Amino acid sequence: MPAGAIILHADLDAFYASVEQLLDPTLRGRPVAVGGSARGGVVLAASYEARRCGVSGGMPGWQALRLCPTIRFVRGHFSEYQRLADDVMDVLYDQTPAVERISIDEAFL
């Protein structure tokens, strides 16, 4: 790496939950969990509002509901996540060709 080079890590935090709030305005400002349910399953992503209640990704849905009784569980729109993440990556590629995408919502520049 050249002297003085800078590496940037871009991470779209709470991305799935944020996309759900973008797609459904009634979810904005409310605690949201992508995946999971009151009966089971695992939370894939939690909105910032849900995180303030202690909900996190990887948590069982029943536990998320116990921590945050007003949480809304959504199934997810994975094709929308991919489309919007690709749009963000295009913005990064506009800045530099040296983009190393490491997941749907993360890259190094």
C-alpha atoms as a PDB file:
ATOM      1  CA  MET A   1       0.000   0.000   0.000  1.00  0.00           C
ATOM      2  CA  PRO A   2       1.379   3.419  -0.891  1.00  0.00           C
ATOM      3  CA  ALA A   3       2.484   5.711   1.927  1.00  0.00           C
ATOM      4  CA  GLY A   4      -0.359   7.952   3.039  1.00  0.00           C
ATOM      5  CA  ALA A   5      -3.010   5.679   1.557  1.00  0.00           C
ATOM      6  CA  ILE A   6      -6.321   5.567   3.380  1.00  0.00           C
ATOM      7  CA  ILE A   7      -8.693   2.611   3.578  1.00  0.00           C
ATOM      8  CA  LEU A   8     -12.372   3.310   4.197  1.00  0.00           C
ATOM      9  CA  HIS A   9     -14.823   0.705   5.465  1.00  0.00           C
ATOM     10  CA  ALA A  10     -18.383   1.483   4.344  1.00  0.00           C
ATOM     11  CA  ASP A  11     -21.089  -0.387   6.281  1.00  0.00           C
ATOM     12  CA  LEU A  12     -24.790   0.296   5.789  1.00  0.00           C
ATOM     13  CA  ASP A  13     -25.765  -0.325   9.399  1.00  0.00           C
ATOM     14  CA  ALA A  14     -29.295  -1.694  10.075  1.00  0.00           C
ATOM     15  CA  PHE A  15     -29.669  -1.806   6.294  1.00  0.00           C
ATOM     16  CA  TYR A  16     -32.473  -4.381   5.952  1.00  0.00           C
ATOM     17  CA  ALA A  17     -34.574  -2.693   8.633  1.00  0.00           C
ATOM     18  CA  SER A  18     -33.909   0.749   7.136  1.00  0.00           C
ATOM     19  CA  VAL A  19     -35.034  -0.460   3.707  1.00  0.00           C
ATOM     20  CA  GLU A  20     -38.240  -1.809   5.237  1.00  0.00           C
ATOM     21  CA  GLN A  21     -38.886   1.598   6.805  1.00  0.00           C
ATOM     22  CA  LEU A  22     -38.221   3.225   3.427  1.00  0.00           C
ATOM     23  CA  LEU A  23     -40.652   0.881   1.648  1.00  0.00           C
ATOM     24  CA  ASP A  24     -43.404   1.154   4.281  1.00  0.00           C
ATOM     25  CA  PRO A  25     -43.725   4.629   5.790  1.00  0.00           C
ATOM     26  CA  THR A  26     -45.923   3.266   8.618  1.00  0.00           C
ATOM     27  CA  LEU A  27     -42.795   1.541   9.988  1.00  0.00           C
ATOM     28  CA  ARG A  28     -40.761   4.747  10.262  1.00  0.00           C
ATOM     29  CA  GLY A  29     -39.903   5.653  13.828  1.00  0.00           C
ATOM     30  CA  ARG A  30     -41.137   2.286  15.084  1.00  0.00           C
ATOM     31  CA  PRO A  31     -39.165  -0.754  16.275  1.00  0.00           C
ATOM     32  CA  VAL A  32     -38.819  -3.190  13.365  1.00  0.00           C
ATOM     33  CA  ALA A  33     -37.264  -6.639  13.084  1.00  0.00           C
ATOM     34  CA  VAL A  34     -36.595  -8.285   9.746  1.00  0.00           C
ATOM     35  CA  GLY A  35     -37.101 -12.017  10.160  1.00  0.00           C
ATOM     36  CA  GLY A  36     -38.203 -13.820  13.251  1.00  0.00           C
ATOM     37  CA  SER A  37     -41.671 -13.772  14.744  1.00  0.00           C
ATOM     38  CA  ALA A  38     -43.350 -13.859  18.124  1.00  0.00           C
ATOM     39  CA  ARG A  39     -43.364 -17.670  17.914  1.00  0.00           C
ATOM     40  CA  GLY A  40     -39.828 -18.271  16.735  1.00  0.00           C
ATOM     41  CA  GLY A  41     -37.245 -17.692  14.093  1.00  0.00           C
ATOM     42  CA  VAL A  42     -34.280 -15.382  14.294  1.00  0.00           C
ATOM     43  CA  VAL A  43     -34.065 -11.618  13.850  1.00  0.00           C
ATOM     44  CA  LEU A  44     -31.866 -10.885  10.819  1.00  0.00           C
ATOM     45  CA  ALA A  45     -31.777  -7.129  11.357  1.00  0.00           C
ATOM     46  CA  ALA A  46     -33.183  -4.692  13.892  1.00  0.00           C
ATOM     47  CA  SER A  47     -34.014  -1.029  13.364  1.00  0.00           C
ATOM     48  CA  TYR A  48     -32.377   1.587  15.539  1.00  0.00           C
ATOM     49  CA  GLU A  49     -35.661   1.926  17.418  1.00  0.00           C
ATOM     50  CA  ALA A  50     -35.622  -1.810  18.185  1.00  0.00           C
ATOM     51  CA  ARG A  51     -31.949  -1.675  19.131  1.00  0.00           C
ATOM     52  CA  ARG A  52     -32.745   0.933  21.777  1.00  0.00           C
ATOM     53  CA  CYS A  53     -34.941  -1.750  23.397  1.00  0.00           C
ATOM     54  CA  GLY A  54     -32.043  -4.234  23.345  1.00  0.00           C
ATOM     55  CA  VAL A  55     -33.044  -6.158  20.203  1.00  0.00           C
ATOM     56  CA  SER A  56     -30.195  -7.307  17.958  1.00  0.00           C
ATOM     57  CA  GLY A  57     -29.568  -9.473  14.936  1.00  0.00           C
ATOM     58  CA  GLY A  58     -29.267 -13.176  15.706  1.00  0.00           C
ATOM     59  CA  MET A  59     -31.732 -12.925  18.587  1.00  0.00           C
ATOM     60  CA  PRO A  60     -34.749 -15.269  18.742  1.00  0.00           C
ATOM     61  CA  GLY A  61     -37.999 -13.541  17.810  1.00  0.00           C
ATOM     62  CA  TRP A  62     -39.664 -14.424  21.110  1.00  0.00           C
ATOM     63  CA  GLN A  63     -36.841 -12.705  22.985  1.00  0.00           C
ATOM     64  CA  ALA A  64     -37.100  -9.608  20.785  1.00  0.00           C
ATOM     65  CA  LEU A  65     -40.821  -9.423  21.559  1.00  0.00           C
ATOM     66  CA  ARG A  66     -40.157  -9.762  25.272  1.00  0.00           C
ATOM     67  CA  LEU A  67     -37.651  -6.884  25.144  1.00  0.00           C
ATOM     68  CA  CYS A  68     -39.768  -4.735  22.854  1.00  0.00           C
ATOM     69  CA  PRO A  69     -43.515  -5.494  23.017  1.00  0.00           C
ATOM     70  CA  THR A  70     -44.306  -2.978  20.236  1.00  0.00           C
ATOM     71  CA  ILE A  71     -41.854  -4.477  17.720  1.00  0.00           C
ATOM     72  CA  ARG A  72     -43.127  -5.202  14.209  1.00  0.00           C
ATOM     73  CA  PHE A  73     -41.785  -8.328  12.524  1.00  0.00           C
ATOM     74  CA  VAL A  74     -41.487  -8.192   8.726  1.00  0.00           C
ATOM     75  CA  ARG A  75     -40.525 -10.973   6.350  1.00  0.00           C
ATOM     76  CA  GLY A  76     -38.210  -8.901   4.228  1.00  0.00           C
ATOM     77  CA  HIS A  77     -37.848  -7.851   0.613  1.00  0.00           C
ATOM     78  CA  PHE A  78     -34.488  -9.286  -0.386  1.00  0.00           C
ATOM     79  CA  SER A  79     -34.667  -8.237  -4.029  1.00  0.00           C
ATOM     80  CA  GLU A  80     -35.142  -4.638  -2.842  1.00  0.00           C
ATOM     81  CA  TYR A  81     -32.170  -4.946  -0.478  1.00  0.00           C
ATOM     82  CA  GLN A  82     -30.022  -6.107  -3.384  1.00  0.00           C
ATOM     83  CA  ARG A  83     -31.258  -3.361  -5.724  1.00  0.00           C
ATOM     84  CA  LEU A  84     -30.725  -0.558  -3.210  1.00  0.00           C
ATOM     85  CA  ALA A  85     -27.366  -1.907  -2.047  1.00  0.00           C
ATOM     86  CA  ASP A  86     -26.239  -2.048  -5.686  1.00  0.00           C
ATOM     87  CA  ASP A  87     -27.271   1.607  -6.053  1.00  0.00           C
ATOM     88  CA  VAL A  88     -25.115   2.539  -3.053  1.00  0.00           C
ATOM     89  CA  MET A  89     -22.177   0.545  -4.412  1.00  0.00           C
ATOM     90  CA  ASP A  90     -22.518   2.406  -7.724  1.00  0.00           C
ATOM     91  CA  VAL A  91     -22.041   5.661  -5.798  1.00  0.00           C
ATOM     92  CA  LEU A  92     -18.885   4.225  -4.222  1.00  0.00           C
ATOM     93  CA  TYR A  93     -17.570   3.093  -7.625  1.00  0.00           C
ATOM     94  CA  ASP A  94     -18.182   6.646  -8.897  1.00  0.00           C
ATOM     95  CA  GLN A  95     -15.626   7.811  -6.302  1.00  0.00           C
ATOM     96  CA  THR A  96     -12.931   5.192  -6.944  1.00  0.00           C
ATOM     97  CA  PRO A  97     -12.469   1.982  -8.915  1.00  0.00           C
ATOM     98  CA  ALA A  98     -10.765   0.505  -5.837  1.00  0.00           C
ATOM     99  CA  VAL A  99     -13.921  -0.875  -4.203  1.00  0.00           C
ATOM    100  CA  GLU A 100     -13.871  -4.303  -2.612  1.00  0.00           C
ATOM    101  CA  ARG A 101     -17.412  -5.369  -1.834  1.00  0.00           C
ATOM    102  CA  ILE A 102     -17.471  -7.849   1.031  1.00  0.00           C
ATOM    103  CA  SER A 103     -21.216  -8.309   1.541  1.00  0.00           C
ATOM    104  CA  ILE A 104     -24.532  -6.945   0.323  1.00  0.00           C
ATOM    105  CA  ASP A 105     -24.087  -3.818   2.439  1.00  0.00           C
ATOM    106  CA  GLU A 106     -20.347  -3.498   3.123  1.00  0.00           C
ATOM    107  CA  ALA A 107     -17.284  -2.547   1.136  1.00  0.00           C
ATOM    108  CA  PHE A 108     -13.713  -1.376   1.514  1.00  0.00           C
ATOM    109  CA  LEU A 109     -12.468   1.557  -0.561  1.00  0.00           C
END
